[in-house]
Amino acid sequence: MAEKQSKKTPREEVLARVFEWFETDRTAKRAIFEELEECQRMYKGDHWDLHDLVGRPLRTESQKKNRPNTVENIVFSLIEGLVAEFSEDVDLVDYPVEPGDDEAASIMTDLKKFIKYKNRLASEREKYLRWFFLYGTGIWHIYWDPHWKAAKALTGGAEMSGGKPFIRK
């Protein structure tokens, strides 16, 4: 009877193996996630509760009470300044290569502008740059949207959005 209870179905074995891989991966990434959480706290202005490399608080409760906290968040100012500097609008113009290509160049320019508008590229570029400067990652999520409707009953379309690394709450 004990032999029957210890036997797992193939599905249960696969799930157990996948969960073991997940736990190994999560354990390996724990230090990175803690560093990303620290970056997020600095960006939000909650930089007085940071820890050193060993995990001890940089300021004790008595030190926090005796010394005033500065109001200006320098990290936020630097990152938002860089985002503004690097997120200038890009001119998406196709120029005619040969005589008579004016109409094709105009159509391609209009198409690129529509794709830029559809994918909200200006706002997504700002998000992408913000996460790039804050976390050091440049993550673009490209995904398929099956609910997007196009002309002539076409459905689905590729979407792009700027993203940030997953941070535990």
Protein backbone atom coordinates (compact mmCIF):
# COMPACT_ATOMS: atom_id res chain seq x y z
CA MET A 1 0.00 0.00 0.00
CA ALA A 2 2.84 2.40 0.86
CA GLU A 3 4.35 1.57 -2.52
CA LYS A 4 1.20 2.78 -4.32
CA GLN A 5 1.15 6.10 -2.44
CA SER A 6 4.82 6.89 -3.20
CA LYS A 7 4.42 6.26 -6.94
CA LYS A 8 3.75 9.42 -8.89
CA THR A 9 2.03 9.74 -12.19
CA PRO A 10 4.17 11.01 -15.09
CA ARG A 11 2.38 14.34 -14.88
CA GLU A 12 3.18 14.69 -11.18
CA GLU A 13 6.82 13.84 -11.84
CA VAL A 14 7.05 16.51 -14.53
CA LEU A 15 5.40 19.08 -12.28
CA ALA A 16 7.75 18.23 -9.42
CA ARG A 17 10.77 18.58 -11.70
CA VAL A 18 9.54 21.92 -13.08
CA PHE A 19 8.90 23.22 -9.56
CA GLU A 20 12.40 22.12 -8.52
CA TRP A 21 13.86 24.07 -11.48
CA PHE A 22 11.73 27.07 -10.54
CA GLU A 23 12.95 27.01 -6.93
CA THR A 24 16.59 26.69 -8.05
CA ASP A 25 16.16 29.63 -10.41
CA ARG A 26 14.37 31.78 -7.83
CA THR A 27 17.08 31.08 -5.24
CA ALA A 28 19.82 31.99 -7.72
CA LYS A 29 18.10 35.29 -8.58
CA ARG A 30 17.30 36.34 -5.02
CA ALA A 31 20.33 38.66 -4.72
CA ILE A 32 19.54 40.32 -8.04
CA PHE A 33 15.92 40.90 -7.03
CA GLU A 34 17.05 42.47 -3.75
CA GLU A 35 19.35 44.82 -5.66
CA LEU A 36 16.52 45.77 -8.05
CA GLU A 37 14.23 46.45 -5.10
CA GLU A 38 16.95 48.71 -3.67
CA CYS A 39 17.13 50.59 -6.98
CA GLN A 40 13.37 51.08 -6.90
CA ARG A 41 13.50 52.40 -3.31
CA MET A 42 16.21 54.90 -4.28
CA TYR A 43 14.14 56.09 -7.24
CA LYS A 44 11.06 56.55 -5.04
CA GLY A 45 13.06 58.53 -2.46
CA ASP A 46 13.01 55.81 0.20
CA HIS A 47 16.81 55.65 0.29
CA TRP A 48 17.24 55.98 4.04
CA ASP A 49 16.32 52.36 4.68
CA LEU A 50 19.00 50.80 2.48
CA HIS A 51 21.25 47.95 3.60
CA ASP A 52 24.97 47.32 3.15
CA LEU A 53 26.47 44.32 1.35
CA VAL A 54 26.06 42.08 4.41
CA GLY A 55 22.42 43.08 4.91
CA ARG A 56 22.78 45.46 7.86
CA PRO A 57 20.85 48.77 7.75
CA LEU A 58 23.04 51.71 6.77
CA ARG A 59 21.34 53.93 9.36
CA THR A 60 19.97 52.80 12.69
CA GLU A 61 16.67 54.09 14.04
CA SER A 62 18.47 56.44 16.45
CA GLN A 63 20.59 57.84 13.60
CA LYS A 64 17.45 58.46 11.56
CA LYS A 65 15.90 60.39 14.45
CA ASN A 66 19.03 62.48 15.14
CA ARG A 67 19.85 63.44 11.54
CA PRO A 68 17.37 65.04 9.18
CA ASN A 69 16.65 63.33 5.90
CA THR A 70 17.27 65.41 2.82
CA VAL A 71 14.21 66.22 0.79
CA GLU A 72 15.58 66.27 -2.76
CA ASN A 73 15.79 62.93 -4.48
CA ILE A 74 18.92 63.14 -6.64
CA VAL A 75 18.47 59.69 -8.24
CA PHE A 76 14.97 60.62 -9.44
CA SER A 77 16.21 63.93 -10.88
CA LEU A 78 19.12 62.29 -12.71
CA ILE A 79 17.03 59.51 -14.22
CA GLU A 80 14.18 61.76 -15.34
CA GLY A 81 16.70 64.21 -16.85
CA LEU A 82 18.32 61.41 -18.84
CA VAL A 83 14.93 60.12 -19.98
CA ALA A 84 13.99 63.58 -21.24
CA GLU A 85 17.33 63.95 -23.02
CA PHE A 86 17.22 60.58 -24.79
CA SER A 87 13.51 60.39 -25.63
CA GLU A 88 13.43 63.02 -28.34
CA ASP A 89 11.00 62.25 -31.12
CA VAL A 90 12.41 60.38 -34.09
CA ASP A 91 11.61 61.53 -37.60
CA LEU A 92 10.30 58.56 -39.59
CA VAL A 93 10.56 59.76 -43.18
CA ASP A 94 11.32 57.66 -46.24
CA TYR A 95 12.93 59.59 -49.07
CA PRO A 96 12.54 58.55 -52.70
CA VAL A 97 15.55 56.61 -53.98
CA GLU A 98 14.83 56.82 -57.68
CA PRO A 99 12.80 59.25 -59.78
CA GLY A 100 9.13 58.31 -59.59
CA ASP A 101 9.38 56.82 -56.05
CA ASP A 102 7.67 59.81 -54.42
CA GLU A 103 4.34 58.04 -53.90
CA ALA A 104 5.96 54.86 -52.50
CA ALA A 105 8.10 56.94 -50.11
CA SER A 106 5.02 58.85 -48.97
CA ILE A 107 3.07 55.62 -48.37
CA MET A 108 5.97 54.09 -46.41
CA THR A 109 6.30 57.24 -44.30
CA ASP A 110 2.57 57.17 -43.50
CA LEU A 111 2.77 53.47 -42.66
CA LYS A 112 5.71 53.98 -40.28
CA LYS A 113 3.91 56.87 -38.57
CA PHE A 114 0.80 54.71 -38.13
CA ILE A 115 2.81 51.82 -36.63
CA LYS A 116 4.55 54.29 -34.31
CA TYR A 117 1.17 55.69 -33.24
CA LYS A 118 -0.45 52.23 -32.87
CA ASN A 119 2.37 50.97 -30.67
CA ARG A 120 2.47 54.18 -28.59
CA LEU A 121 6.18 54.30 -29.31
CA ALA A 122 6.81 57.73 -27.75
CA SER A 123 5.42 56.80 -24.33
CA GLU A 124 6.84 53.27 -24.51
CA ARG A 125 10.29 54.67 -25.30
CA GLU A 126 10.08 56.82 -22.17
CA LYS A 127 9.19 53.79 -20.05
CA TYR A 128 11.94 51.75 -21.67
CA LEU A 129 14.55 54.46 -21.00
CA ARG A 130 13.38 54.93 -17.41
CA TRP A 131 13.81 51.23 -16.64
CA PHE A 132 17.09 51.16 -18.59
CA PHE A 133 18.62 53.96 -16.53
CA LEU A 134 17.12 52.77 -13.24
CA TYR A 135 17.82 49.03 -13.42
CA GLY A 136 20.46 48.80 -16.12
CA THR A 137 18.24 46.58 -18.22
CA GLY A 138 16.81 47.40 -21.59
CA ILE A 139 13.75 45.19 -21.89
CA TRP A 140 11.35 45.49 -24.81
CA HIS A 141 8.35 43.20 -24.61
CA ILE A 142 7.09 42.18 -28.02
CA TYR A 143 3.84 40.26 -27.90
CA TRP A 144 0.97 39.27 -30.14
CA ASP A 145 -2.38 40.91 -29.52
CA PRO A 146 -5.07 38.58 -30.91
CA HIS A 147 -7.88 41.06 -30.15
CA TRP A 148 -6.53 43.89 -32.31
CA LYS A 149 -8.75 44.42 -35.37
CA ALA A 150 -7.42 45.67 -38.69
CA ALA A 151 -9.01 46.50 -42.01
CA LYS A 152 -10.56 43.73 -44.10
CA ALA A 153 -11.29 41.57 -41.01
CA LEU A 154 -7.64 40.86 -40.22
CA THR A 155 -7.15 40.11 -36.56
CA GLY A 156 -4.06 40.18 -34.44
CA GLY A 157 -1.03 42.41 -34.48
CA ALA A 158 2.42 42.64 -32.99
CA GLU A 159 2.62 45.05 -30.06
CA MET A 160 5.69 46.51 -28.37
CA SER A 161 6.00 47.90 -24.87
CA GLY A 162 8.82 48.93 -22.62
CA GLY A 163 9.14 46.90 -19.49
CA LYS A 164 11.01 46.50 -16.26
CA PRO A 165 12.33 43.45 -14.47
CA PHE A 166 9.92 41.55 -12.26
CA ILE A 167 10.15 42.82 -8.70
CA ARG A 168 8.66 40.88 -5.81
CA LYS A 169 6.26 42.66 -3.50
